[in-house]
Amino acid sequence: MSASETSWAVWLVILVQAAGLLSVWLARASEGLTLEKRFRWLFLACLGLVAGSTMVGLSLGVGFWLTSGATLSTMAVTGIFDSGKPRDAIVW
């Protein structure tokens, strides 16, 4: 792979990671709003893109997959982390 192809791939991976982190922030910040469902779908799409960029990063060489893998795990943990108020248990 030539240097210009590598730099193009690196910038694409950086763009995908930035979009992924932005999408997880939007999905968490929109809880309770009317756009919540759309931001969750955006998050899921970006999660797939970041996972794909991690797999592509494995073929680019040593170190390229590491940042994508870190972004992927950050998105997964942030997406499922519940910091809301404790809800009352449903009593039957």
C-alpha atoms as a PDB file:
ATOM      1  CA  MET A   1       0.000   0.000   0.000  1.00  0.00           C
ATOM      2  CA  SER A   2       1.441   3.376  -0.978  1.00  0.00           C
ATOM      3  CA  ALA A   3       1.815   6.329   1.360  1.00  0.00           C
ATOM      4  CA  SER A   4      -1.083   8.247  -0.229  1.00  0.00           C
ATOM      5  CA  GLU A   5      -3.405   5.243   0.101  1.00  0.00           C
ATOM      6  CA  THR A   6      -2.373   4.803   3.713  1.00  0.00           C
ATOM      7  CA  SER A   7      -2.996   8.447   4.605  1.00  0.00           C
ATOM      8  CA  TRP A   8      -6.407   8.309   2.893  1.00  0.00           C
ATOM      9  CA  ALA A   9      -7.304   5.194   4.890  1.00  0.00           C
ATOM     10  CA  VAL A  10      -6.099   6.756   8.137  1.00  0.00           C
ATOM     11  CA  TRP A  11      -8.220   9.863   7.624  1.00  0.00           C
ATOM     12  CA  LEU A  12     -11.239   7.714   6.788  1.00  0.00           C
ATOM     13  CA  VAL A  13     -10.760   5.697   9.980  1.00  0.00           C
ATOM     14  CA  ILE A  14     -10.428   8.925  11.999  1.00  0.00           C
ATOM     15  CA  LEU A  15     -13.645  10.257  10.443  1.00  0.00           C
ATOM     16  CA  VAL A  16     -15.522   7.041  11.234  1.00  0.00           C
ATOM     17  CA  GLN A  17     -14.285   7.108  14.843  1.00  0.00           C
ATOM     18  CA  ALA A  18     -15.305  10.746  15.299  1.00  0.00           C
ATOM     19  CA  ALA A  19     -18.754   9.995  13.881  1.00  0.00           C
ATOM     20  CA  GLY A  20     -19.064   7.008  16.222  1.00  0.00           C
ATOM     21  CA  LEU A  21     -18.187   8.983  19.324  1.00  0.00           C
ATOM     22  CA  LEU A  22     -20.510  11.815  18.277  1.00  0.00           C
ATOM     23  CA  SER A  23     -23.353   9.348  17.684  1.00  0.00           C
ATOM     24  CA  VAL A  24     -23.023   7.781  21.133  1.00  0.00           C
ATOM     25  CA  TRP A  25     -23.070  11.230  22.709  1.00  0.00           C
ATOM     26  CA  LEU A  26     -26.170  12.192  20.705  1.00  0.00           C
ATOM     27  CA  ALA A  27     -27.913   8.943  21.613  1.00  0.00           C
ATOM     28  CA  ARG A  28     -27.266   9.459  25.323  1.00  0.00           C
ATOM     29  CA  ALA A  29     -28.063  13.185  25.300  1.00  0.00           C
ATOM     30  CA  SER A  30     -31.360  12.713  23.467  1.00  0.00           C
ATOM     31  CA  GLU A  31     -32.955  10.424  26.056  1.00  0.00           C
ATOM     32  CA  GLY A  32     -36.541  11.458  26.544  1.00  0.00           C
ATOM     33  CA  LEU A  33     -36.644  13.669  23.438  1.00  0.00           C
ATOM     34  CA  THR A  34     -38.601  13.068  20.251  1.00  0.00           C
ATOM     35  CA  LEU A  35     -35.405  12.414  18.271  1.00  0.00           C
ATOM     36  CA  GLU A  36     -34.206   9.691  20.630  1.00  0.00           C
ATOM     37  CA  LYS A  37     -35.169   6.813  18.331  1.00  0.00           C
ATOM     38  CA  ARG A  38     -33.397   8.329  15.311  1.00  0.00           C
ATOM     39  CA  PHE A  39     -30.212   8.962  17.282  1.00  0.00           C
ATOM     40  CA  ARG A  40     -30.266   5.385  18.554  1.00  0.00           C
ATOM     41  CA  TRP A  41     -30.480   4.110  14.974  1.00  0.00           C
ATOM     42  CA  LEU A  42     -27.614   6.441  14.051  1.00  0.00           C
ATOM     43  CA  PHE A  43     -25.626   5.008  16.959  1.00  0.00           C
ATOM     44  CA  LEU A  44     -26.246   1.444  15.790  1.00  0.00           C
ATOM     45  CA  ALA A  45     -25.183   2.318  12.231  1.00  0.00           C
ATOM     46  CA  CYS A  46     -22.015   4.000  13.484  1.00  0.00           C
ATOM     47  CA  LEU A  47     -21.317   1.046  15.771  1.00  0.00           C
ATOM     48  CA  GLY A  48     -21.323  -1.170  12.691  1.00  0.00           C
ATOM     49  CA  LEU A  49     -19.063   1.255  10.822  1.00  0.00           C
ATOM     50  CA  VAL A  50     -16.563   1.366  13.671  1.00  0.00           C
ATOM     51  CA  ALA A  51     -16.606  -2.431  13.879  1.00  0.00           C
ATOM     52  CA  GLY A  52     -15.936  -2.576  10.148  1.00  0.00           C
ATOM     53  CA  SER A  53     -13.115  -0.054  10.412  1.00  0.00           C
ATOM     54  CA  THR A  54     -11.585  -2.178  13.165  1.00  0.00           C
ATOM     55  CA  MET A  55     -11.570  -5.183  10.845  1.00  0.00           C
ATOM     56  CA  VAL A  56     -10.120  -3.103   8.003  1.00  0.00           C
ATOM     57  CA  GLY A  57      -7.525  -1.744  10.418  1.00  0.00           C
ATOM     58  CA  LEU A  58      -6.290  -5.269  11.018  1.00  0.00           C
ATOM     59  CA  SER A  59      -5.324  -5.513   7.352  1.00  0.00           C
ATOM     60  CA  LEU A  60      -3.644  -2.079   7.263  1.00  0.00           C
ATOM     61  CA  GLY A  61      -0.856  -3.022   9.610  1.00  0.00           C
ATOM     62  CA  VAL A  62       0.315  -2.886  13.163  1.00  0.00           C
ATOM     63  CA  GLY A  63      -1.409  -0.277  15.302  1.00  0.00           C
ATOM     64  CA  PHE A  64      -4.184   0.797  12.933  1.00  0.00           C
ATOM     65  CA  TRP A  65      -6.771  -1.455  14.537  1.00  0.00           C
ATOM     66  CA  LEU A  66      -5.986  -0.384  18.100  1.00  0.00           C
ATOM     67  CA  THR A  67      -7.694   3.013  18.039  1.00  0.00           C
ATOM     68  CA  SER A  68     -10.740   1.611  16.248  1.00  0.00           C
ATOM     69  CA  GLY A  69     -10.977  -1.188  18.797  1.00  0.00           C
ATOM     70  CA  ALA A  70     -10.753   1.306  21.644  1.00  0.00           C
ATOM     71  CA  THR A  71     -13.459   3.449  20.058  1.00  0.00           C
ATOM     72  CA  LEU A  72     -15.642   0.371  19.530  1.00  0.00           C
ATOM     73  CA  SER A  73     -15.359  -0.698  23.159  1.00  0.00           C
ATOM     74  CA  THR A  74     -15.955   2.870  24.378  1.00  0.00           C
ATOM     75  CA  MET A  75     -19.098   3.089  22.259  1.00  0.00           C
ATOM     76  CA  ALA A  76     -20.374  -0.271  23.530  1.00  0.00           C
ATOM     77  CA  VAL A  77     -19.834   0.570  27.195  1.00  0.00           C
ATOM     78  CA  THR A  78     -21.252   4.084  26.869  1.00  0.00           C
ATOM     79  CA  GLY A  79     -24.244   2.806  24.912  1.00  0.00           C
ATOM     80  CA  ILE A  80     -25.307   0.353  27.625  1.00  0.00           C
ATOM     81  CA  PHE A  81     -24.248   2.309  30.716  1.00  0.00           C
ATOM     82  CA  ASP A  82     -27.298   3.405  32.693  1.00  0.00           C
ATOM     83  CA  SER A  83     -26.666   6.412  34.887  1.00  0.00           C
ATOM     84  CA  GLY A  84     -30.329   7.301  35.351  1.00  0.00           C
ATOM     85  CA  LYS A  85     -32.297   7.497  38.528  1.00  0.00           C
ATOM     86  CA  PRO A  86     -33.170   4.224  40.186  1.00  0.00           C
ATOM     87  CA  ARG A  87     -36.728   3.279  39.315  1.00  0.00           C
ATOM     88  CA  ASP A  88     -39.234   1.877  41.725  1.00  0.00           C
ATOM     89  CA  ALA A  89     -39.690  -1.851  41.493  1.00  0.00           C
ATOM     90  CA  ILE A  90     -42.933  -2.994  39.979  1.00  0.00           C
ATOM     91  CA  VAL A  91     -45.025  -4.671  42.642  1.00  0.00           C
ATOM     92  CA  TRP A  92     -47.454  -7.232  41.321  1.00  0.00           C
END
